[in-house]
Amino acid sequence: MEDDNLVFYCKDCHSLYILVDEELADSEWDGAYCGKCHSTDIGQCTIEEWLAEEERRRKKREEIEWNK
């Protein structure tokens, strides 16, 4: 992975809206959390990998909607 193409994302809701609490950044926890769902389960990958996963998730949501 190239460092300039890396993104941080929420592993729970897949959002790219990641925030860092500076007061907690020096603790055992790095202070990063999702600004959408507030999860602290943050992942890192290339933007291409994130976009591919987002497309897979979108197709899964559509499939669920079609089967209702």
C-alpha atoms as a PDB file:
ATOM      1  CA  MET A   1       0.000   0.000   0.000  1.00  0.00           C
ATOM      2  CA  GLU A   2       1.255   3.465  -0.839  1.00  0.00           C
ATOM      3  CA  ASP A   3       1.030   5.883   2.061  1.00  0.00           C
ATOM      4  CA  ASP A   4      -0.430   8.709  -0.050  1.00  0.00           C
ATOM      5  CA  ASN A   5      -3.470   6.600  -1.036  1.00  0.00           C
ATOM      6  CA  LEU A   6      -4.337   5.403   2.483  1.00  0.00           C
ATOM      7  CA  VAL A   7      -7.596   6.319   4.181  1.00  0.00           C
ATOM      8  CA  PHE A   8      -8.937   5.685   7.666  1.00  0.00           C
ATOM      9  CA  TYR A   9     -12.495   4.346   7.890  1.00  0.00           C
ATOM     10  CA  CYS A  10     -14.960   3.033  10.438  1.00  0.00           C
ATOM     11  CA  LYS A  11     -15.098  -0.763  10.411  1.00  0.00           C
ATOM     12  CA  ASP A  12     -18.679  -0.669  11.737  1.00  0.00           C
ATOM     13  CA  CYS A  13     -20.448   1.763   9.372  1.00  0.00           C
ATOM     14  CA  HIS A  14     -17.701   2.174   6.720  1.00  0.00           C
ATOM     15  CA  SER A  15     -17.691   5.969   7.052  1.00  0.00           C
ATOM     16  CA  LEU A  16     -14.618   8.025   6.195  1.00  0.00           C
ATOM     17  CA  TYR A  17     -15.679  10.623   8.784  1.00  0.00           C
ATOM     18  CA  ILE A  18     -12.940   9.877  11.334  1.00  0.00           C
ATOM     19  CA  LEU A  19     -12.178  12.278  14.169  1.00  0.00           C
ATOM     20  CA  VAL A  20      -9.381  12.349  16.738  1.00  0.00           C
ATOM     21  CA  ASP A  21      -9.774  13.491  20.332  1.00  0.00           C
ATOM     22  CA  GLU A  22      -6.416  15.194  20.908  1.00  0.00           C
ATOM     23  CA  GLU A  23      -6.678  14.813  24.687  1.00  0.00           C
ATOM     24  CA  LEU A  24      -6.864  11.030  24.319  1.00  0.00           C
ATOM     25  CA  ALA A  25      -4.359  10.696  21.482  1.00  0.00           C
ATOM     26  CA  ASP A  26      -1.450  10.190  23.888  1.00  0.00           C
ATOM     27  CA  SER A  27      -3.198   7.473  25.889  1.00  0.00           C
ATOM     28  CA  GLU A  28      -3.256   3.733  25.174  1.00  0.00           C
ATOM     29  CA  TRP A  29      -6.179   4.449  22.822  1.00  0.00           C
ATOM     30  CA  ASP A  30      -5.124   6.653  19.884  1.00  0.00           C
ATOM     31  CA  GLY A  31      -8.171   8.909  20.239  1.00  0.00           C
ATOM     32  CA  ALA A  32      -9.627   8.123  16.777  1.00  0.00           C
ATOM     33  CA  TYR A  33     -13.363   7.496  16.471  1.00  0.00           C
ATOM     34  CA  CYS A  34     -16.112   7.592  13.851  1.00  0.00           C
ATOM     35  CA  GLY A  35     -17.906  10.917  13.636  1.00  0.00           C
ATOM     36  CA  LYS A  36     -21.018   9.139  12.331  1.00  0.00           C
ATOM     37  CA  CYS A  37     -21.568   6.156  14.669  1.00  0.00           C
ATOM     38  CA  HIS A  38     -18.912   6.934  17.353  1.00  0.00           C
ATOM     39  CA  SER A  39     -17.226   3.546  17.015  1.00  0.00           C
ATOM     40  CA  THR A  40     -13.544   3.326  17.896  1.00  0.00           C
ATOM     41  CA  ASP A  41     -13.004   0.352  15.560  1.00  0.00           C
ATOM     42  CA  ILE A  42     -11.025   2.213  12.884  1.00  0.00           C
ATOM     43  CA  GLY A  43      -9.339   0.559   9.918  1.00  0.00           C
ATOM     44  CA  GLN A  44      -6.912   1.691   7.254  1.00  0.00           C
ATOM     45  CA  CYS A  45      -6.693   0.753   3.575  1.00  0.00           C
ATOM     46  CA  THR A  46      -6.127   2.318   0.165  1.00  0.00           C
ATOM     47  CA  ILE A  47      -8.864   4.480  -1.292  1.00  0.00           C
ATOM     48  CA  GLU A  48      -9.231   1.913  -4.090  1.00  0.00           C
ATOM     49  CA  GLU A  49      -9.879  -0.878  -1.561  1.00  0.00           C
ATOM     50  CA  TRP A  50     -12.355   1.317   0.320  1.00  0.00           C
ATOM     51  CA  LEU A  51     -14.233   2.185  -2.899  1.00  0.00           C
ATOM     52  CA  ALA A  52     -14.402  -1.494  -3.918  1.00  0.00           C
ATOM     53  CA  GLU A  53     -15.792  -2.435  -0.495  1.00  0.00           C
ATOM     54  CA  GLU A  54     -18.279   0.449  -0.638  1.00  0.00           C
ATOM     55  CA  GLU A  55     -19.524  -0.824  -4.007  1.00  0.00           C
ATOM     56  CA  ARG A  56     -19.882  -4.354  -2.597  1.00  0.00           C
ATOM     57  CA  ARG A  57     -21.839  -2.990   0.376  1.00  0.00           C
ATOM     58  CA  ARG A  58     -24.087  -0.901  -1.922  1.00  0.00           C
ATOM     59  CA  LYS A  59     -24.905  -3.949  -4.045  1.00  0.00           C
ATOM     60  CA  LYS A  60     -25.685  -5.957  -0.904  1.00  0.00           C
ATOM     61  CA  ARG A  61     -28.072  -3.222   0.323  1.00  0.00           C
ATOM     62  CA  GLU A  62     -29.819  -3.160  -3.079  1.00  0.00           C
ATOM     63  CA  GLU A  63     -30.151  -6.954  -3.042  1.00  0.00           C
ATOM     64  CA  ILE A  64     -31.764  -6.818   0.387  1.00  0.00           C
ATOM     65  CA  GLU A  65     -34.174  -4.095  -0.774  1.00  0.00           C
ATOM     66  CA  TRP A  66     -35.154  -6.087  -3.886  1.00  0.00           C
ATOM     67  CA  ASN A  67     -35.946  -9.160  -1.782  1.00  0.00           C
ATOM     68  CA  LYS A  68     -38.368  -7.345   0.531  1.00  0.00           C
END
